[in-house]
Protein backbone atom coordinates (compact mmCIF):
# COMPACT_ATOMS: atom_id res chain seq x y z
CA UNK A 1 78.25 80.61 12.73
CA UNK A 2 81.28 80.25 10.20
CA UNK A 3 82.12 77.75 8.39
CA UNK A 4 85.75 77.03 10.35
CA UNK A 5 83.97 77.37 13.56
CA UNK A 6 81.54 74.66 12.28
CA UNK A 7 84.29 72.39 11.37
CA UNK A 8 86.08 73.23 14.96
CA UNK A 9 82.88 72.20 16.79
CA UNK A 10 82.85 69.10 14.12
CA UNK A 11 86.44 67.80 14.90
CA UNK A 12 85.54 68.34 18.37
CA UNK A 13 82.63 66.15 18.82
CA UNK A 14 83.75 63.51 16.48
CA UNK A 15 86.95 63.20 19.29
CA UNK A 16 84.89 62.96 21.81
CA UNK A 17 82.96 60.41 19.60
CA UNK A 18 86.10 58.24 19.17
CA UNK A 19 87.78 58.57 22.81
CA UNK A 20 84.13 57.80 24.37
CA UNK A 21 83.94 54.54 21.99
CA UNK A 22 88.19 53.64 23.25
CA UNK A 23 87.57 54.13 26.45
CA UNK A 24 84.56 51.99 26.27
CA UNK A 25 85.80 49.17 24.49
CA UNK A 26 88.88 49.57 27.17
CA UNK A 27 86.45 49.04 29.90
CA UNK A 28 84.47 45.88 28.27
CA UNK A 29 87.60 44.72 27.40
CA UNK A 30 89.42 44.64 30.72
CA UNK A 31 86.12 43.57 32.79
CA UNK A 32 85.23 40.98 30.86
CA UNK A 33 88.98 39.33 30.97
CA UNK A 34 88.73 39.56 34.91
CA UNK A 35 85.52 38.69 35.49
CA UNK A 36 84.66 36.26 32.71
CA UNK A 37 86.29 32.88 32.27
CA UNK A 38 87.46 31.98 28.90
CA UNK A 39 85.64 28.73 28.86
CA UNK A 40 81.64 28.64 29.53
CA UNK A 41 78.78 26.53 29.45
CA UNK A 42 75.83 28.76 30.64
CA UNK A 43 74.62 31.54 28.04
CA UNK A 44 73.42 33.69 31.68
CA UNK A 45 76.27 35.52 33.47
CA UNK A 46 75.97 33.83 36.85
CA UNK A 47 75.86 36.28 40.09
CA UNK A 48 79.17 36.41 41.02
CA UNK A 49 79.92 37.50 37.28
CA UNK A 50 77.62 40.23 37.83
CA UNK A 51 79.04 41.76 40.45
CA UNK A 52 82.83 41.38 39.64
CA UNK A 53 81.09 43.01 36.28
CA UNK A 54 79.75 45.83 38.15
CA UNK A 55 82.65 46.69 40.52
CA UNK A 56 85.08 46.98 37.99
CA UNK A 57 83.06 48.61 35.69
CA UNK A 58 82.64 51.43 38.90
CA UNK A 59 86.52 51.50 39.25
CA UNK A 60 87.31 51.37 35.59
CA UNK A 61 84.74 54.75 35.84
CA UNK A 62 86.06 56.15 39.16
CA UNK A 63 90.23 55.74 38.13
CA UNK A 64 89.08 57.59 34.37
CA UNK A 65 87.29 60.22 36.69
CA UNK A 66 89.94 60.86 38.88
CA UNK A 67 92.58 60.93 35.82
CA UNK A 68 90.59 63.23 34.37
CA UNK A 69 90.58 65.72 36.75
CA UNK A 70 94.17 65.05 37.70
CA UNK A 71 95.22 66.10 33.84
CA UNK A 72 93.18 69.13 33.72
CA UNK A 73 94.68 70.21 37.18
CA UNK A 74 98.22 69.75 35.91
CA UNK A 75 96.86 71.27 32.21
CA UNK A 76 95.76 74.70 34.36
CA UNK A 77 99.20 74.67 35.94
CA UNK A 78 100.95 74.83 32.83
CA UNK A 79 98.44 77.09 30.91
CA UNK A 80 99.37 79.40 34.78
CA UNK A 81 103.22 78.88 34.25
CA UNK A 82 103.26 79.99 30.27
CA UNK A 83 100.91 83.14 31.15
CA UNK A 84 103.90 84.44 33.70
CA UNK A 85 106.85 83.94 31.45
């Protein structure tokens, strides 16, 4: 594999890792803010908090997937329009 191809692959991998880390940080922040009260006395997660976190993560990932699919569709439509010109 040529050096430039390896560099491109490395760049793509680095960007993917950065995007996944960003998504994880946003998910953690949003669900923590929604489900965990700012002042708590118990070190363990309560059942209600665990259920809230589970639902929050599921919704976050579902929305992330839906947005990704929609952006992919829009990108394909743009490519088709550019090919027609």
